[in-house]
Amino acid sequence: MRGTDISIINEKVKKESGFIEAIMMEIRKVIVGQKYILDRFMVGLLANGHILIEGVPGLAKTKSISTLSQTIQTKFQRLQFTPDMLPADLTGTLIYDQKTSEFHIKKGPLFANIILADEINRAPAKVQSALLEAMQERQITIGQETLVLDEPFLVLATQNPIEQEGTYPLPEAQVDRFMLKLRIDYPSKEEELKILQRMAYTSQRIDVKPIVSPKDIIHAREVVDEIYMDEKIEKYIVDIVEATRRPQDYKMPDLKGLIDYGASPRATINMAIASRAFAFLQGRGYVTPQDVKSIGMDVLRHRVIVSYEAEAEEKTSEDIIKKIFDEIEVP
């Protein structure tokens, strides 16, 4: 691509990405710090990808998502997942009308734009799998009828660490539907003091204004698709994903016994789209290797399944992915 073409995309990105800072300013009225998680929310929104967030209760996961939804003029639905939940509680069901002797569809809460699936791993597998069609196909089938979901449709799910009581591990097929998996930790001492000073009032209410419409988001996604990615960057992404499957081919034979399953082709696609969205957030019309590195861990951490041998050596998927990024040659 010629330099003039990239400069045109650069100008378009700078023009269209102005609303990002406006959204961030509104969210920061409520949320202290958490730049990492808020940036990834924006990536998910721009890249049309669902996000899974893991962390102990009380880290503002739910608060961050509900605050983000308030900045968009769209329908928000919070779903509290519980062990007694049924698939129809999400998707809806057929209701029999005795007067007409016909069945009518009663739509479930999934028919919204932004879905907060709170504590998703407290629900049994049947309910978790009910999300699959909606997340992947952007449609829901009730009875004989298939209903298309409105755009944007974004699932932001929170889960407690697996070790906590009353949790069910998410199936690999479900986890793979999430573009990004985020891990959040406790705030710093300074951030916690700011949280106390801002939030420790029983009667306080902070109003968050809507900044963008669904049309604005869909238009921004079209600009994200135009962001230039050089073939060298594309090959770099493929090498990283391939190294999670066959590390011995990339001079990392020591990793072979530590990985049960590598990342799927969906990881390759997601990393390319997320890298473009990350470049958009930086106000750039082209992708750099650093964009791939910045977003790569969030795309891969839930897709690389470690072996018992790795667990015995106390190696996590993050340790393995970090080594792969360190070893693969950067273009």
Protein backbone atom coordinates (compact mmCIF):
# COMPACT_ATOMS: atom_id res chain seq x y z
CA MET A 1 0.00 0.00 0.00
CA ARG A 2 1.31 3.46 -0.90
CA GLY A 3 2.19 6.03 1.75
CA THR A 4 -0.54 8.36 0.49
CA ASP A 5 -3.18 5.64 1.06
CA ILE A 6 -1.99 5.11 4.65
CA SER A 7 -2.08 8.86 5.31
CA ILE A 8 -5.72 8.95 4.10
CA ILE A 9 -6.62 6.09 6.49
CA ASN A 10 -4.69 7.87 9.28
CA GLU A 11 -6.79 11.00 8.79
CA LYS A 12 -10.00 8.97 8.72
CA VAL A 13 -9.05 7.13 11.94
CA LYS A 14 -8.18 10.39 13.76
CA LYS A 15 -11.49 11.88 12.68
CA GLU A 16 -13.63 8.87 13.59
CA SER A 17 -11.91 7.92 16.87
CA GLY A 18 -12.78 11.17 18.66
CA PHE A 19 -15.74 9.62 20.49
CA ILE A 20 -13.43 7.13 22.27
CA GLU A 21 -11.96 9.80 24.57
CA ALA A 22 -15.46 11.19 25.22
CA ILE A 23 -16.64 7.72 26.32
CA MET A 24 -13.56 7.30 28.53
CA MET A 25 -14.16 10.66 30.22
CA GLU A 26 -17.73 9.65 31.10
CA ILE A 27 -16.62 6.24 32.43
CA ARG A 28 -13.86 7.83 34.53
CA LYS A 29 -16.54 9.77 36.43
CA VAL A 30 -17.39 6.44 38.05
CA ILE A 31 -14.43 4.08 37.54
CA VAL A 32 -11.00 4.81 39.06
CA GLY A 33 -7.98 3.53 37.10
CA GLN A 34 -8.64 0.25 35.23
CA LYS A 35 -7.17 1.65 31.98
CA TYR A 36 -6.31 -1.86 30.80
CA ILE A 37 -9.85 -3.21 31.14
CA LEU A 38 -11.49 -0.07 29.66
CA ASP A 39 -9.17 -0.14 26.62
CA ARG A 40 -10.08 -3.80 26.06
CA PHE A 41 -13.79 -2.97 26.30
CA MET A 42 -13.26 -0.50 23.47
CA VAL A 43 -11.39 -3.15 21.45
CA GLY A 44 -14.31 -5.58 21.90
CA LEU A 45 -16.82 -2.90 20.88
CA LEU A 46 -14.85 -1.90 17.78
CA ALA A 47 -13.85 -5.46 16.80
CA ASN A 48 -17.34 -6.93 17.32
CA GLY A 49 -15.91 -9.46 19.77
CA HIS A 50 -17.23 -10.81 23.07
CA ILE A 51 -15.18 -10.44 26.26
CA LEU A 52 -14.71 -12.70 29.28
CA ILE A 53 -13.47 -11.02 32.47
CA GLU A 54 -12.06 -12.98 35.39
CA GLY A 55 -11.43 -11.65 38.87
CA VAL A 56 -12.54 -12.00 42.47
CA PRO A 57 -15.80 -10.23 43.47
CA GLY A 58 -15.65 -6.51 44.23
CA LEU A 59 -13.18 -5.36 41.55
CA ALA A 60 -15.77 -3.23 39.65
CA LYS A 61 -16.17 -5.72 36.77
CA THR A 62 -19.94 -5.35 36.72
CA LYS A 63 -19.78 -1.61 37.47
CA SER A 64 -17.39 -1.01 34.56
CA ILE A 65 -19.66 -2.84 32.10
CA SER A 66 -22.88 -1.14 33.24
CA THR A 67 -21.14 2.26 33.10
CA LEU A 68 -19.89 1.57 29.56
CA SER A 69 -23.44 0.65 28.50
CA GLN A 70 -24.72 4.01 29.80
CA THR A 71 -22.40 5.85 27.37
CA ILE A 72 -24.09 4.14 24.38
CA GLN A 73 -27.68 4.88 23.31
CA THR A 74 -28.62 1.25 23.24
CA LYS A 75 -30.44 -1.53 25.08
CA PHE A 76 -28.52 -3.00 28.01
CA GLN A 77 -29.45 -6.22 29.82
CA ARG A 78 -27.85 -7.64 32.94
CA LEU A 79 -28.21 -11.39 33.47
CA GLN A 80 -27.30 -12.84 36.86
CA PHE A 81 -26.31 -16.46 36.24
CA THR A 82 -27.35 -18.95 38.93
CA PRO A 83 -27.25 -22.77 39.29
CA ASP A 84 -31.04 -23.07 38.83
CA MET A 85 -31.18 -21.11 35.56
CA LEU A 86 -32.72 -22.65 32.41
CA PRO A 87 -31.81 -21.97 28.72
CA ALA A 88 -35.27 -20.45 28.13
CA ASP A 89 -34.47 -17.84 30.81
CA LEU A 90 -31.96 -16.43 28.30
CA THR A 91 -33.42 -17.04 24.86
CA GLY A 92 -37.16 -16.88 25.49
CA THR A 93 -39.85 -19.45 24.80
CA LEU A 94 -43.12 -20.23 23.00
CA ILE A 95 -46.30 -19.19 24.82
CA TYR A 96 -49.62 -20.89 23.95
CA ASP A 97 -52.54 -18.51 23.40
CA GLN A 98 -55.78 -20.33 24.27
CA LYS A 99 -57.98 -17.78 22.44
CA THR A 100 -56.29 -18.23 19.07
CA SER A 101 -54.94 -21.76 19.70
CA GLU A 102 -51.53 -20.54 18.46
CA PHE A 103 -48.06 -20.33 19.89
CA HIS A 104 -46.42 -16.89 20.21
CA ILE A 105 -42.77 -16.14 20.82
CA LYS A 106 -41.89 -14.45 24.08
CA LYS A 107 -38.40 -13.01 23.61
CA GLY A 108 -35.86 -13.50 26.38
CA PRO A 109 -33.38 -10.98 27.78
CA LEU A 110 -30.71 -11.90 25.18
CA PHE A 111 -32.61 -9.68 22.72
CA ALA A 112 -30.60 -6.60 23.69
CA ASN A 113 -27.43 -4.92 22.39
CA ILE A 114 -25.04 -5.15 25.32
CA ILE A 115 -25.37 -8.20 27.55
CA LEU A 116 -23.71 -8.41 30.95
CA ALA A 117 -23.53 -12.12 31.77
CA ASP A 118 -22.66 -11.83 35.44
CA GLU A 119 -20.87 -14.78 37.10
CA ILE A 120 -21.35 -16.89 33.96
CA ASN A 121 -19.58 -19.89 35.50
CA ARG A 122 -22.17 -20.23 38.27
CA ALA A 123 -24.70 -21.55 35.71
CA PRO A 124 -24.76 -25.19 34.52
CA ALA A 125 -23.45 -26.23 31.09
CA LYS A 126 -26.91 -26.26 29.43
CA VAL A 127 -27.35 -22.55 30.12
CA GLN A 128 -23.81 -21.67 29.12
CA SER A 129 -24.26 -23.48 25.79
CA ALA A 130 -27.54 -21.60 25.18
CA LEU A 131 -25.33 -18.55 24.62
CA LEU A 132 -23.35 -20.27 21.84
CA GLU A 133 -25.69 -19.64 18.90
CA ALA A 134 -26.37 -16.06 19.98
CA MET A 135 -22.66 -15.26 20.40
CA GLN A 136 -21.42 -16.89 17.20
CA GLU A 137 -24.33 -16.59 14.76
CA ARG A 138 -25.91 -13.41 16.17
CA GLN A 139 -29.25 -15.19 16.04
CA ILE A 140 -31.58 -17.19 18.32
CA THR A 141 -33.84 -20.08 17.34
CA ILE A 142 -37.10 -20.47 19.28
CA GLY A 143 -39.27 -23.36 18.09
CA GLN A 144 -39.24 -23.30 14.28
CA GLU A 145 -38.34 -19.63 13.98
CA THR A 146 -34.87 -18.08 13.82
CA LEU A 147 -34.63 -14.46 14.97
CA VAL A 148 -31.69 -12.22 14.03
CA LEU A 149 -30.25 -10.10 16.86
CA ASP A 150 -29.80 -6.34 16.46
CA GLU A 151 -26.32 -4.88 15.98
CA PRO A 152 -24.25 -4.14 17.91
CA PHE A 153 -24.57 -7.34 19.95
CA LEU A 154 -21.85 -7.71 22.55
CA VAL A 155 -21.61 -10.20 25.42
CA LEU A 156 -19.43 -9.06 28.32
CA ALA A 157 -19.23 -11.95 30.77
CA THR A 158 -17.70 -12.00 34.24
CA GLN A 159 -16.52 -15.14 35.96
CA ASN A 160 -15.13 -15.91 39.38
CA PRO A 161 -11.84 -17.81 39.64
CA ILE A 162 -12.50 -21.52 39.10
CA GLU A 163 -11.29 -22.35 42.60
CA GLN A 164 -14.26 -20.54 44.17
CA GLU A 165 -17.13 -22.56 45.60
CA GLY A 166 -20.18 -23.14 43.38
CA THR A 167 -18.49 -22.53 40.01
CA TYR A 168 -18.59 -24.68 36.86
CA PRO A 169 -15.66 -24.51 34.41
CA LEU A 170 -16.74 -23.13 31.02
CA PRO A 171 -16.56 -25.67 28.13
CA GLU A 172 -13.74 -25.05 25.62
CA ALA A 173 -16.28 -24.42 22.82
CA GLN A 174 -17.89 -21.68 24.91
CA VAL A 175 -14.60 -20.08 25.92
CA ASP A 176 -13.38 -20.01 22.31
CA ARG A 177 -16.35 -17.78 21.37
CA PHE A 178 -14.87 -14.96 23.46
CA MET A 179 -12.49 -12.79 21.48
CA LEU A 180 -10.66 -11.64 24.63
CA LYS A 181 -10.22 -12.98 28.14
CA LEU A 182 -9.17 -10.35 30.67
CA ARG A 183 -7.70 -10.94 34.10
CA ILE A 184 -8.05 -8.11 36.59
CA ASP A 185 -6.35 -7.74 39.92
CA TYR A 186 -6.72 -5.55 42.99
CA PRO A 187 -6.21 -1.77 42.52
CA SER A 188 -3.04 -0.05 43.69
CA LYS A 189 -2.96 1.63 47.12
CA GLU A 190 -3.33 5.10 45.51
CA GLU A 191 -6.26 3.95 43.33
CA GLU A 192 -7.99 2.38 46.33
CA LEU A 193 -7.74 5.67 48.23
CA LYS A 194 -9.37 7.49 45.26
CA ILE A 195 -12.12 4.83 45.17
CA LEU A 196 -12.79 5.40 48.88
CA GLN A 197 -12.90 9.19 48.46
CA ARG A 198 -15.23 8.97 45.47
CA MET A 199 -17.56 6.09 46.29
CA ALA A 200 -17.86 5.84 50.11
CA TYR A 201 -21.14 7.79 50.29
CA THR A 202 -24.52 6.07 50.66
CA SER A 203 -26.57 8.74 48.84
CA GLN A 204 -24.14 9.54 46.01
CA ARG A 205 -25.35 9.14 42.42
CA ILE A 206 -23.09 9.91 39.46
CA ASP A 207 -24.86 10.54 36.16
CA VAL A 208 -23.22 9.16 33.01
CA LYS A 209 -24.34 10.67 29.70
CA PRO A 210 -24.83 8.69 26.48
CA ILE A 211 -22.14 9.68 23.96
CA VAL A 212 -22.61 7.47 20.89
CA SER A 213 -25.38 5.67 19.02
CA PRO A 214 -25.25 2.14 17.60
CA LYS A 215 -24.86 3.71 14.11
CA ASP A 216 -21.66 5.48 15.27
CA ILE A 217 -20.21 2.18 16.49
CA ILE A 218 -21.11 0.31 13.27
CA HIS A 219 -19.54 3.15 11.22
CA ALA A 220 -16.37 3.03 13.37
CA ARG A 221 -16.15 -0.73 12.74
CA GLU A 222 -16.14 -0.06 9.00
CA VAL A 223 -13.15 2.27 9.50
CA VAL A 224 -11.40 -0.40 11.63
CA ASP A 225 -11.75 -2.83 8.69
CA GLU A 226 -9.87 -0.33 6.48
CA ILE A 227 -6.82 -0.16 8.78
CA TYR A 228 -3.78 -1.42 6.89
CA MET A 229 -2.03 -4.62 7.95
CA ASP A 230 1.18 -5.53 6.15
CA GLU A 231 1.67 -9.12 5.02
CA LYS A 232 4.68 -9.39 7.37
CA ILE A 233 2.37 -8.64 10.31
CA GLU A 234 -0.14 -11.22 9.05
CA LYS A 235 2.63 -13.85 8.90
CA TYR A 236 3.79 -12.81 12.39
CA ILE A 237 0.26 -13.48 13.75
CA VAL A 238 0.10 -16.88 11.99
CA ASP A 239 3.56 -17.82 13.40
CA ILE A 240 2.47 -16.94 16.95
CA VAL A 241 -0.70 -19.04 16.74
CA GLU A 242 1.08 -21.91 14.97
CA ALA A 243 3.74 -21.90 17.73
CA THR A 244 1.02 -22.70 20.30
CA ARG A 245 0.29 -25.92 18.32
CA ARG A 246 3.77 -26.96 17.16
CA PRO A 247 6.32 -25.17 19.35
CA GLN A 248 9.05 -27.63 18.28
CA ASP A 249 8.90 -26.15 14.75
CA TYR A 250 9.88 -22.78 16.24
CA LYS A 251 12.89 -23.98 18.26
CA MET A 252 10.87 -24.33 21.49
CA PRO A 253 10.80 -28.16 21.97
CA ASP A 254 10.58 -27.70 25.76
CA LEU A 255 7.03 -26.32 25.35
CA LYS A 256 5.70 -29.37 23.44
CA GLY A 257 4.90 -31.41 26.55
CA LEU A 258 3.35 -28.42 28.32
CA ILE A 259 0.56 -27.77 25.78
CA ASP A 260 -2.44 -30.10 25.37
CA TYR A 261 -4.28 -27.94 22.83
CA GLY A 262 -3.05 -24.91 20.93
CA ALA A 263 -5.11 -21.95 19.72
CA SER A 264 -7.74 -22.43 17.00
CA PRO A 265 -7.93 -20.58 13.64
CA ARG A 266 -10.52 -18.35 15.33
CA ALA A 267 -7.61 -17.05 17.45
CA THR A 268 -5.74 -16.03 14.27
CA ILE A 269 -8.77 -14.14 12.95
CA ASN A 270 -9.50 -12.55 16.34
CA MET A 271 -5.89 -11.41 16.79
CA ALA A 272 -5.90 -9.68 13.40
CA ILE A 273 -9.23 -7.91 14.03
CA ALA A 274 -8.33 -6.97 17.63
CA SER A 275 -4.92 -5.62 16.48
CA ARG A 276 -6.68 -3.36 13.97
CA ALA A 277 -9.08 -2.15 16.69
CA PHE A 278 -6.13 -1.51 19.03
CA ALA A 279 -4.40 0.54 16.30
CA PHE A 280 -7.66 2.52 15.91
CA LEU A 281 -7.57 3.32 19.64
CA GLN A 282 -4.04 4.69 19.18
CA GLY A 283 -5.31 6.89 16.33
CA ARG A 284 -3.30 5.02 13.68
CA GLY A 285 -4.35 3.74 10.25
CA TYR A 286 -1.88 0.83 10.24
CA VAL A 287 -1.01 -2.10 12.54
CA THR A 288 2.42 -2.44 14.17
CA PRO A 289 3.97 -5.56 15.79
CA GLN A 290 3.50 -3.81 19.15
CA ASP A 291 -0.28 -3.75 18.59
CA VAL A 292 -0.18 -7.53 18.13
CA LYS A 293 1.95 -7.94 21.28
CA SER A 294 -0.31 -5.62 23.30
CA ILE A 295 -3.49 -7.53 22.54
CA GLY A 296 -2.04 -11.02 21.93
CA MET A 297 -2.12 -12.27 25.52
CA ASP A 298 -5.82 -11.40 25.88
CA VAL A 299 -6.65 -13.26 22.64
CA LEU A 300 -4.65 -16.40 23.52
CA ARG A 301 -4.71 -16.91 27.31
CA HIS A 302 -8.02 -18.84 27.25
CA ARG A 303 -7.27 -20.74 24.04
CA VAL A 304 -3.99 -22.43 25.03
CA ILE A 305 -4.85 -25.46 27.20
CA VAL A 306 -1.92 -26.57 29.35
CA SER A 307 -1.10 -30.22 30.17
CA TYR A 308 -0.92 -31.91 33.58
CA GLU A 309 2.85 -31.71 33.19
CA ALA A 310 2.64 -27.91 32.95
CA GLU A 311 0.36 -27.77 36.00
CA ALA A 312 2.85 -29.94 37.92
CA GLU A 313 5.58 -27.46 36.99
CA GLU A 314 3.21 -24.60 37.96
CA LYS A 315 3.32 -23.21 34.41
CA THR A 316 0.25 -21.32 33.25
CA SER A 317 -0.95 -20.61 29.70
CA GLU A 318 0.26 -17.03 30.25
CA ASP A 319 3.83 -18.25 30.96
CA ILE A 320 3.78 -20.29 27.73
CA ILE A 321 2.35 -17.45 25.60
CA LYS A 322 4.89 -14.99 27.02
CA LYS A 323 7.74 -17.34 26.02
CA ILE A 324 6.28 -17.68 22.51
CA PHE A 325 6.12 -13.88 22.11
CA ASP A 326 9.70 -13.61 23.39
CA GLU A 327 11.00 -16.23 20.96
CA ILE A 328 9.10 -15.53 17.70
CA GLU A 329 11.00 -13.11 15.50
CA VAL A 330 9.35 -9.69 15.24
CA PRO A 331 9.02 -8.35 11.65
